[in-house]
């Protein structure tokens, strides 16, 4: 998880640019219903918790990923999704 998030963080500028381009061309997609700017801003917050220009160290990634896991443990959305996956 940490290595994967480090890779996402490292290449976040490219990922964000790609999502911005899709949002410009396909703003009617359901993922942009709240507005393309909102979706892109939320993506930036998730991929770059310290800011777009700052890359996370491995230690920072470990803390961040652990926090995400802790927050999702017992979350009703996580439980619903896990139940849905179990039925498939």
PDB file of N, CA and C in Angstrom:
ATOM      1  N   UNK A   1       0.827  -1.193   0.000  1.00  0.00           N
ATOM      2  CA  UNK A   1       0.000   0.000   0.000  1.00  0.00           C
ATOM      3  C   UNK A   1       0.870   1.255   0.000  1.00  0.00           C
ATOM      4  N   UNK A   2       1.906   1.234   0.838  1.00  0.00           N
ATOM      5  CA  UNK A   2       2.776   2.408   0.940  1.00  0.00           C
ATOM      6  C   UNK A   2       3.507   2.641  -0.377  1.00  0.00           C
ATOM      7  N   UNK A   3       4.051   1.580  -0.960  1.00  0.00           N
ATOM      8  CA  UNK A   3       4.774   1.716  -2.239  1.00  0.00           C
ATOM      9  C   UNK A   3       3.846   2.206  -3.338  1.00  0.00           C
ATOM     10  N   UNK A   4       2.624   1.684  -3.346  1.00  0.00           N
ATOM     11  CA  UNK A   4       1.648   2.120  -4.347  1.00  0.00           C
ATOM     12  C   UNK A   4       1.283   3.578  -4.186  1.00  0.00           C
ATOM     13  N   UNK A   5       1.080   4.005  -2.933  1.00  0.00           N
ATOM     14  CA  UNK A   5       0.739   5.406  -2.717  1.00  0.00           C
ATOM     15  C   UNK A   5       1.912   6.317  -3.042  1.00  0.00           C
ATOM     16  N   UNK A   6       3.129   5.861  -2.748  1.00  0.00           N
ATOM     17  CA  UNK A   6       4.306   6.667  -3.104  1.00  0.00           C
ATOM     18  C   UNK A   6       4.361   6.868  -4.620  1.00  0.00           C
ATOM     19  N   UNK A   7       4.054   5.818  -5.382  1.00  0.00           N
ATOM     20  CA  UNK A   7       4.053   5.934  -6.846  1.00  0.00           C
ATOM     21  C   UNK A   7       2.973   6.912  -7.304  1.00  0.00           C
ATOM     22  N   UNK A   8       1.781   6.825  -6.707  1.00  0.00           N
ATOM     23  CA  UNK A   8       0.718   7.772  -7.054  1.00  0.00           C
ATOM     24  C   UNK A   8       1.127   9.204  -6.730  1.00  0.00           C
ATOM     25  N   UNK A   9       1.721   9.389  -5.554  1.00  0.00           N
ATOM     26  CA  UNK A   9       2.155  10.716  -5.138  1.00  0.00           C
ATOM     27  C   UNK A   9       3.246  11.247  -6.067  1.00  0.00           C
ATOM     28  N   UNK A  10       4.175  10.376  -6.438  1.00  0.00           N
ATOM     29  CA  UNK A  10       5.293  10.779  -7.308  1.00  0.00           C
ATOM     30  C   UNK A  10       4.792  11.250  -8.672  1.00  0.00           C
ATOM     31  N   UNK A  11       3.776  10.580  -9.195  1.00  0.00           N
ATOM     32  CA  UNK A  11       3.256  10.898 -10.533  1.00  0.00           C
ATOM     33  C   UNK A  11       1.936  11.663 -10.482  1.00  0.00           C
ATOM     34  N   UNK A  12       1.652  12.267  -9.344  1.00  0.00           N
ATOM     35  CA  UNK A  12       0.368  12.929  -9.156  1.00  0.00           C
ATOM     36  C   UNK A  12       0.114  14.053 -10.164  1.00  0.00           C
ATOM     37  N   UNK A  13       1.119  14.801 -10.534  1.00  0.00           N
ATOM     38  CA  UNK A  13       0.924  15.909 -11.486  1.00  0.00           C
ATOM     39  C   UNK A  13       0.408  15.385 -12.819  1.00  0.00           C
ATOM     40  N   UNK A  14       0.947  14.267 -13.276  1.00  0.00           N
ATOM     41  CA  UNK A  14       0.503  13.674 -14.539  1.00  0.00           C
ATOM     42  C   UNK A  14      -0.920  13.139 -14.429  1.00  0.00           C
ATOM     43  N   UNK A  15      -1.220  12.501 -13.305  1.00  0.00           N
ATOM     44  CA  UNK A  15      -2.562  11.952 -13.087  1.00  0.00           C
ATOM     45  C   UNK A  15      -3.589  13.077 -13.033  1.00  0.00           C
ATOM     46  N   UNK A  16      -3.269  14.126 -12.307  1.00  0.00           N
ATOM     47  CA  UNK A  16      -4.182  15.270 -12.178  1.00  0.00           C
ATOM     48  C   UNK A  16      -4.401  15.936 -13.528  1.00  0.00           C
ATOM     49  N   UNK A  17      -3.337  16.103 -14.297  1.00  0.00           N
ATOM     50  CA  UNK A  17      -3.466  16.699 -15.632  1.00  0.00           C
ATOM     51  C   UNK A  17      -4.374  15.851 -16.522  1.00  0.00           C
ATOM     52  N   UNK A  18      -4.209  14.539 -16.462  1.00  0.00           N
ATOM     53  CA  UNK A  18      -5.049  13.636 -17.255  1.00  0.00           C
ATOM     54  C   UNK A  18      -6.517  13.775 -16.852  1.00  0.00           C
ATOM     55  N   UNK A  19      -6.799  13.822 -15.560  1.00  0.00           N
ATOM     56  CA  UNK A  19      -8.180  13.981 -15.087  1.00  0.00           C
ATOM     57  C   UNK A  19      -8.734  15.347 -15.500  1.00  0.00           C
ATOM     58  N   UNK A  20      -7.909  16.386 -15.454  1.00  0.00           N
ATOM     59  CA  UNK A  20      -8.361  17.712 -15.902  1.00  0.00           C
ATOM     60  C   UNK A  20      -8.721  17.689 -17.389  1.00  0.00           C
ATOM     61  N   UNK A  21      -7.923  16.993 -18.181  1.00  0.00           N
ATOM     62  CA  UNK A  21      -8.209  16.905 -19.622  1.00  0.00           C
ATOM     63  C   UNK A  21      -9.508  16.147 -19.871  1.00  0.00           C
ATOM     64  N   UNK A  22      -9.721  15.053 -19.150  1.00  0.00           N
ATOM     65  CA  UNK A  22     -10.966  14.296 -19.290  1.00  0.00           C
ATOM     66  C   UNK A  22     -12.144  15.160 -18.857  1.00  0.00           C
ATOM     67  N   UNK A  23     -11.989  15.885 -17.760  1.00  0.00           N
ATOM     68  CA  UNK A  23     -13.066  16.741 -17.264  1.00  0.00           C
ATOM     69  C   UNK A  23     -13.435  17.818 -18.282  1.00  0.00           C
ATOM     70  N   UNK A  24     -12.451  18.334 -18.982  1.00  0.00           N
ATOM     71  CA  UNK A  24     -12.711  19.353 -20.001  1.00  0.00           C
ATOM     72  C   UNK A  24     -13.491  18.768 -21.173  1.00  0.00           C
ATOM     73  N   UNK A  25     -13.119  17.558 -21.576  1.00  0.00           N
ATOM     74  CA  UNK A  25     -13.749  16.939 -22.736  1.00  0.00           C
ATOM     75  C   UNK A  25     -15.049  16.209 -22.405  1.00  0.00           C
ATOM     76  N   UNK A  26     -15.160  15.702 -21.190  1.00  0.00           N
ATOM     77  CA  UNK A  26     -16.312  14.870 -20.822  1.00  0.00           C
ATOM     78  C   UNK A  26     -16.922  15.313 -19.497  1.00  0.00           C
ATOM     79  N   UNK A  27     -17.257  16.564 -19.364  1.00  0.00           N
ATOM     80  CA  UNK A  27     -17.760  17.090 -18.095  1.00  0.00           C
ATOM     81  C   UNK A  27     -19.104  16.488 -17.698  1.00  0.00           C
ATOM     82  N   UNK A  28     -19.763  15.765 -18.608  1.00  0.00           N
ATOM     83  CA  UNK A  28     -21.056  15.154 -18.301  1.00  0.00           C
ATOM     84  C   UNK A  28     -20.932  13.793 -17.610  1.00  0.00           C
ATOM     85  N   UNK A  29     -19.708  13.302 -17.408  1.00  0.00           N
ATOM     86  CA  UNK A  29     -19.522  12.025 -16.720  1.00  0.00           C
ATOM     87  C   UNK A  29     -19.995  12.139 -15.274  1.00  0.00           C
ATOM     88  N   UNK A  30     -20.505  11.031 -14.746  1.00  0.00           N
ATOM     89  CA  UNK A  30     -21.080  11.058 -13.397  1.00  0.00           C
ATOM     90  C   UNK A  30     -20.056  11.442 -12.325  1.00  0.00           C
ATOM     91  N   UNK A  31     -18.781  11.146 -12.539  1.00  0.00           N
ATOM     92  CA  UNK A  31     -17.770  11.497 -11.542  1.00  0.00           C
ATOM     93  C   UNK A  31     -17.558  13.010 -11.441  1.00  0.00           C
ATOM     94  N   UNK A  32     -18.059  13.768 -12.411  1.00  0.00           N
ATOM     95  CA  UNK A  32     -17.921  15.221 -12.407  1.00  0.00           C
ATOM     96  C   UNK A  32     -19.241  15.931 -12.112  1.00  0.00           C
ATOM     97  N   UNK A  33     -20.241  15.215 -11.605  1.00  0.00           N
ATOM     98  CA  UNK A  33     -21.555  15.824 -11.351  1.00  0.00           C
ATOM     99  C   UNK A  33     -21.486  16.974 -10.355  1.00  0.00           C
ATOM    100  N   UNK A  34     -20.581  16.881  -9.382  1.00  0.00           N
ATOM    101  CA  UNK A  34     -20.421  17.967  -8.415  1.00  0.00           C
ATOM    102  C   UNK A  34     -19.617  19.124  -8.979  1.00  0.00           C
ATOM    103  N   UNK A  35     -19.144  18.969 -10.190  1.00  0.00           N
ATOM    104  CA  UNK A  35     -18.321  19.970 -10.849  1.00  0.00           C
ATOM    105  C   UNK A  35     -16.911  19.448 -11.055  1.00  0.00           C
ATOM    106  N   UNK A  36     -16.371  19.714 -12.224  1.00  0.00           N
ATOM    107  CA  UNK A  36     -15.036  19.215 -12.556  1.00  0.00           C
ATOM    108  C   UNK A  36     -13.987  19.783 -11.617  1.00  0.00           C
ATOM    109  N   UNK A  37     -14.104  21.058 -11.276  1.00  0.00           N
ATOM    110  CA  UNK A  37     -13.119  21.670 -10.381  1.00  0.00           C
ATOM    111  C   UNK A  37     -13.133  20.997  -9.017  1.00  0.00           C
ATOM    112  N   UNK A  38     -14.309  20.700  -8.511  1.00  0.00           N
ATOM    113  CA  UNK A  38     -14.426  20.034  -7.209  1.00  0.00           C
ATOM    114  C   UNK A  38     -13.771  18.653  -7.270  1.00  0.00           C
ATOM    115  N   UNK A  39     -14.042  17.902  -8.329  1.00  0.00           N
ATOM    116  CA  UNK A  39     -13.473  16.561  -8.470  1.00  0.00           C
ATOM    117  C   UNK A  39     -11.947  16.621  -8.544  1.00  0.00           C
ATOM    118  N   UNK A  40     -11.415  17.550  -9.300  1.00  0.00           N
ATOM    119  CA  UNK A  40      -9.962  17.682  -9.441  1.00  0.00           C
ATOM    120  C   UNK A  40      -9.343  18.143  -8.124  1.00  0.00           C
ATOM    121  N   UNK A  41      -9.984  19.087  -7.460  1.00  0.00           N
ATOM    122  CA  UNK A  41      -9.463  19.559  -6.164  1.00  0.00           C
ATOM    123  C   UNK A  41      -9.448  18.435  -5.127  1.00  0.00           C
ATOM    124  N   UNK A  42     -10.502  17.624  -5.105  1.00  0.00           N
ATOM    125  CA  UNK A  42     -10.545  16.499  -4.170  1.00  0.00           C
ATOM    126  C   UNK A  42      -9.476  15.461  -4.508  1.00  0.00           C
ATOM    127  N   UNK A  43      -9.229  15.243  -5.797  1.00  0.00           N
ATOM    128  CA  UNK A  43      -8.168  14.320  -6.211  1.00  0.00           C
ATOM    129  C   UNK A  43      -6.810  14.835  -5.749  1.00  0.00           C
ATOM    130  N   UNK A  44      -6.584  16.137  -5.912  1.00  0.00           N
ATOM    131  CA  UNK A  44      -5.322  16.737  -5.450  1.00  0.00           C
ATOM    132  C   UNK A  44      -5.134  16.533  -3.950  1.00  0.00           C
ATOM    133  N   UNK A  45      -6.192  16.731  -3.188  1.00  0.00           N
ATOM    134  CA  UNK A  45      -6.110  16.546  -1.735  1.00  0.00           C
ATOM    135  C   UNK A  45      -5.765  15.110  -1.372  1.00  0.00           C
ATOM    136  N   UNK A  46      -6.347  14.144  -2.102  1.00  0.00           N
ATOM    137  CA  UNK A  46      -6.087  12.739  -1.794  1.00  0.00           C
ATOM    138  C   UNK A  46      -4.685  12.311  -2.204  1.00  0.00           C
ATOM    139  N   UNK A  47      -4.241  12.745  -3.384  1.00  0.00           N
ATOM    140  CA  UNK A  47      -2.927  12.312  -3.879  1.00  0.00           C
ATOM    141  C   UNK A  47      -1.778  13.123  -3.291  1.00  0.00           C
ATOM    142  N   UNK A  48      -2.051  14.351  -2.902  1.00  0.00           N
ATOM    143  CA  UNK A  48      -0.993  15.254  -2.434  1.00  0.00           C
ATOM    144  C   UNK A  48      -1.394  15.904  -1.113  1.00  0.00           C
ATOM    145  N   UNK A  49      -1.417  15.142  -0.031  1.00  0.00           N
ATOM    146  CA  UNK A  49      -1.878  15.711   1.237  1.00  0.00           C
ATOM    147  C   UNK A  49      -1.024  16.855   1.762  1.00  0.00           C
ATOM    148  N   UNK A  50       0.219  16.974   1.302  1.00  0.00           N
ATOM    149  CA  UNK A  50       1.087  18.076   1.731  1.00  0.00           C
ATOM    150  C   UNK A  50       1.094  19.227   0.740  1.00  0.00           C
ATOM    151  N   UNK A  51       0.415  19.069  -0.377  1.00  0.00           N
ATOM    152  CA  UNK A  51       0.412  20.068  -1.438  1.00  0.00           C
ATOM    153  C   UNK A  51       0.963  19.473  -2.714  1.00  0.00           C
ATOM    154  N   UNK A  52       0.544  20.010  -3.836  1.00  0.00           N
ATOM    155  CA  UNK A  52       0.900  19.457  -5.144  1.00  0.00           C
ATOM    156  C   UNK A  52       2.406  19.445  -5.382  1.00  0.00           C
ATOM    157  N   UNK A  53       3.106  20.447  -4.895  1.00  0.00           N
ATOM    158  CA  UNK A  53       4.542  20.547  -5.163  1.00  0.00           C
ATOM    159  C   UNK A  53       5.404  19.757  -4.186  1.00  0.00           C
ATOM    160  N   UNK A  54       4.784  19.148  -3.170  1.00  0.00           N
ATOM    161  CA  UNK A  54       5.556  18.439  -2.148  1.00  0.00           C
ATOM    162  C   UNK A  54       5.326  16.938  -2.248  1.00  0.00           C
ATOM    163  N   UNK A  55       6.399  16.182  -2.343  1.00  0.00           N
ATOM    164  CA  UNK A  55       6.316  14.727  -2.405  1.00  0.00           C
ATOM    165  C   UNK A  55       6.489  14.153  -1.005  1.00  0.00           C
ATOM    166  N   UNK A  56       5.765  13.092  -0.734  1.00  0.00           N
ATOM    167  CA  UNK A  56       5.823  12.456   0.577  1.00  0.00           C
ATOM    168  C   UNK A  56       7.031  11.538   0.692  1.00  0.00           C
ATOM    169  N   UNK A  57       7.677  11.546   1.845  1.00  0.00           N
ATOM    170  CA  UNK A  57       8.744  10.582   2.115  1.00  0.00           C
ATOM    171  C   UNK A  57       8.089   9.233   2.415  1.00  0.00           C
ATOM    172  N   UNK A  58       8.894   8.190   2.479  1.00  0.00           N
ATOM    173  CA  UNK A  58       8.345   6.868   2.789  1.00  0.00           C
ATOM    174  C   UNK A  58       7.692   6.891   4.170  1.00  0.00           C
ATOM    175  N   UNK A  59       8.332   7.533   5.134  1.00  0.00           N
ATOM    176  CA  UNK A  59       7.765   7.616   6.484  1.00  0.00           C
ATOM    177  C   UNK A  59       6.428   8.364   6.474  1.00  0.00           C
ATOM    178  N   UNK A  60       6.354   9.472   5.723  1.00  0.00           N
ATOM    179  CA  UNK A  60       5.099  10.221   5.610  1.00  0.00           C
ATOM    180  C   UNK A  60       4.017   9.367   4.961  1.00  0.00           C
ATOM    181  N   UNK A  61       4.391   8.600   3.935  1.00  0.00           N
ATOM    182  CA  UNK A  61       3.437   7.716   3.258  1.00  0.00           C
ATOM    183  C   UNK A  61       2.923   6.652   4.212  1.00  0.00           C
ATOM    184  N   UNK A  62       3.814   6.101   5.019  1.00  0.00           N
ATOM    185  CA  UNK A  62       3.400   5.076   5.986  1.00  0.00           C
ATOM    186  C   UNK A  62       2.362   5.632   6.955  1.00  0.00           C
ATOM    187  N   UNK A  63       2.607   6.830   7.460  1.00  0.00           N
ATOM    188  CA  UNK A  63       1.673   7.458   8.396  1.00  0.00           C
ATOM    189  C   UNK A  63       0.346   7.745   7.694  1.00  0.00           C
ATOM    190  N   UNK A  64       0.406   8.286   6.493  1.00  0.00           N
ATOM    191  CA  UNK A  64      -0.806   8.646   5.749  1.00  0.00           C
ATOM    192  C   UNK A  64      -1.637   7.414   5.410  1.00  0.00           C
ATOM    193  N   UNK A  65      -0.991   6.371   4.901  1.00  0.00           N
ATOM    194  CA  UNK A  65      -1.700   5.145   4.538  1.00  0.00           C
ATOM    195  C   UNK A  65      -2.291   4.483   5.777  1.00  0.00           C
ATOM    196  N   UNK A  66      -1.546   4.451   6.862  1.00  0.00           N
ATOM    197  CA  UNK A  66      -2.077   3.889   8.103  1.00  0.00           C
ATOM    198  C   UNK A  66      -3.321   4.652   8.559  1.00  0.00           C
ATOM    199  N   UNK A  67      -3.286   5.970   8.422  1.00  0.00           N
ATOM    200  CA  UNK A  67      -4.445   6.775   8.813  1.00  0.00           C
ATOM    201  C   UNK A  67      -5.652   6.466   7.929  1.00  0.00           C
ATOM    202  N   UNK A  68      -5.421   6.319   6.616  1.00  0.00           N
ATOM    203  CA  UNK A  68      -6.516   5.982   5.710  1.00  0.00           C
ATOM    204  C   UNK A  68      -7.130   4.626   6.068  1.00  0.00           C
ATOM    205  N   UNK A  69      -6.281   3.658   6.372  1.00  0.00           N
ATOM    206  CA  UNK A  69      -6.771   2.327   6.738  1.00  0.00           C
ATOM    207  C   UNK A  69      -7.558   2.403   8.040  1.00  0.00           C
ATOM    208  N   UNK A  70      -7.032   3.116   9.025  1.00  0.00           N
ATOM    209  CA  UNK A  70      -7.704   3.256  10.312  1.00  0.00           C
ATOM    210  C   UNK A  70      -9.079   3.914  10.132  1.00  0.00           C
ATOM    211  N   UNK A  71      -9.141   4.957   9.300  1.00  0.00           N
ATOM    212  CA  UNK A  71     -10.405   5.659   9.078  1.00  0.00           C
ATOM    213  C   UNK A  71     -11.423   4.796   8.341  1.00  0.00           C
ATOM    214  N   UNK A  72     -10.963   3.911   7.475  1.00  0.00           N
ATOM    215  CA  UNK A  72     -11.891   3.081   6.714  1.00  0.00           C
ATOM    216  C   UNK A  72     -12.366   1.867   7.501  1.00  0.00           C
ATOM    217  N   UNK A  73     -11.607   1.449   8.496  1.00  0.00           N
ATOM    218  CA  UNK A  73     -11.974   0.290   9.309  1.00  0.00           C
ATOM    219  C   UNK A  73     -13.251   0.592  10.085  1.00  0.00           C
ATOM    220  N   UNK A  74     -14.298  -0.164   9.814  1.00  0.00           N
ATOM    221  CA  UNK A  74     -15.564   0.038  10.497  1.00  0.00           C
ATOM    222  C   UNK A  74     -16.449   1.109   9.877  1.00  0.00           C
ATOM    223  N   UNK A  75     -15.967   1.806   8.863  1.00  0.00           N
ATOM    224  CA  UNK A  75     -16.763   2.825   8.184  1.00  0.00           C
ATOM    225  C   UNK A  75     -17.934   2.136   7.472  1.00  0.00           C
ATOM    226  N   UNK A  76     -19.107   2.737   7.525  1.00  0.00           N
ATOM    227  CA  UNK A  76     -20.286   2.091   6.939  1.00  0.00           C
ATOM    228  C   UNK A  76     -20.132   1.894   5.433  1.00  0.00           C
ATOM    229  N   UNK A  77     -19.459   2.830   4.756  1.00  0.00           N
ATOM    230  CA  UNK A  77     -19.261   2.660   3.314  1.00  0.00           C
ATOM    231  C   UNK A  77     -18.359   1.470   3.021  1.00  0.00           C
ATOM    232  N   UNK A  78     -17.325   1.320   3.822  1.00  0.00           N
ATOM    233  CA  UNK A  78     -16.422   0.189   3.657  1.00  0.00           C
ATOM    234  C   UNK A  78     -17.182  -1.109   3.900  1.00  0.00           C
ATOM    235  N   UNK A  79     -17.987  -1.154   4.928  1.00  0.00           N
ATOM    236  CA  UNK A  79     -18.749  -2.360   5.238  1.00  0.00           C
ATOM    237  C   UNK A  79     -19.747  -2.688   4.128  1.00  0.00           C
ATOM    238  N   UNK A  80     -20.409  -1.679   3.594  1.00  0.00           N
ATOM    239  CA  UNK A  80     -21.363  -1.897   2.494  1.00  0.00           C
ATOM    240  C   UNK A  80     -20.640  -2.417   1.262  1.00  0.00           C
ATOM    241  N   UNK A  81     -19.515  -1.816   0.934  1.00  0.00           N
ATOM    242  CA  UNK A  81     -18.756  -2.255  -0.246  1.00  0.00           C
ATOM    243  C   UNK A  81     -18.247  -3.674  -0.058  1.00  0.00           C
ATOM    244  N   UNK A  82     -17.745  -3.987   1.126  1.00  0.00           N
ATOM    245  CA  UNK A  82     -17.261  -5.346   1.397  1.00  0.00           C
ATOM    246  C   UNK A  82     -18.407  -6.342   1.286  1.00  0.00           C
ATOM    247  N   UNK A  83     -19.577  -5.982   1.780  1.00  0.00           N
ATOM    248  CA  UNK A  83     -20.752  -6.860   1.665  1.00  0.00           C
ATOM    249  C   UNK A  83     -21.153  -7.052   0.211  1.00  0.00           C
ATOM    250  N   UNK A  84     -21.094  -5.988  -0.563  1.00  0.00           N
ATOM    251  CA  UNK A  84     -21.398  -6.078  -1.995  1.00  0.00           C
ATOM    252  C   UNK A  84     -20.414  -7.016  -2.690  1.00  0.00           C
ATOM    253  N   UNK A  85     -19.141  -6.872  -2.389  1.00  0.00           N
ATOM    254  CA  UNK A  85     -18.111  -7.728  -2.998  1.00  0.00           C
ATOM    255  C   UNK A  85     -18.316  -9.184  -2.603  1.00  0.00           C
ATOM    256  N   UNK A  86     -18.752  -9.419  -1.381  1.00  0.00           N
ATOM    257  CA  UNK A  86     -18.973 -10.774  -0.902  1.00  0.00           C
ATOM    258  C   UNK A  86     -20.092 -11.438  -1.716  1.00  0.00           C
ATOM    259  N   UNK A  87     -21.109 -10.673  -2.090  1.00  0.00           N
ATOM    260  CA  UNK A  87     -22.244 -11.222  -2.846  1.00  0.00           C
ATOM    261  C   UNK A  87     -21.873 -11.555  -4.279  1.00  0.00           C
ATOM    262  N   UNK A  88     -20.891 -10.912  -4.806  1.00  0.00           N
ATOM    263  CA  UNK A  88     -20.487 -11.155  -6.196  1.00  0.00           C
ATOM    264  C   UNK A  88     -19.686 -12.387  -6.219  1.00  0.00           C
TER     265      UNK A  88
END
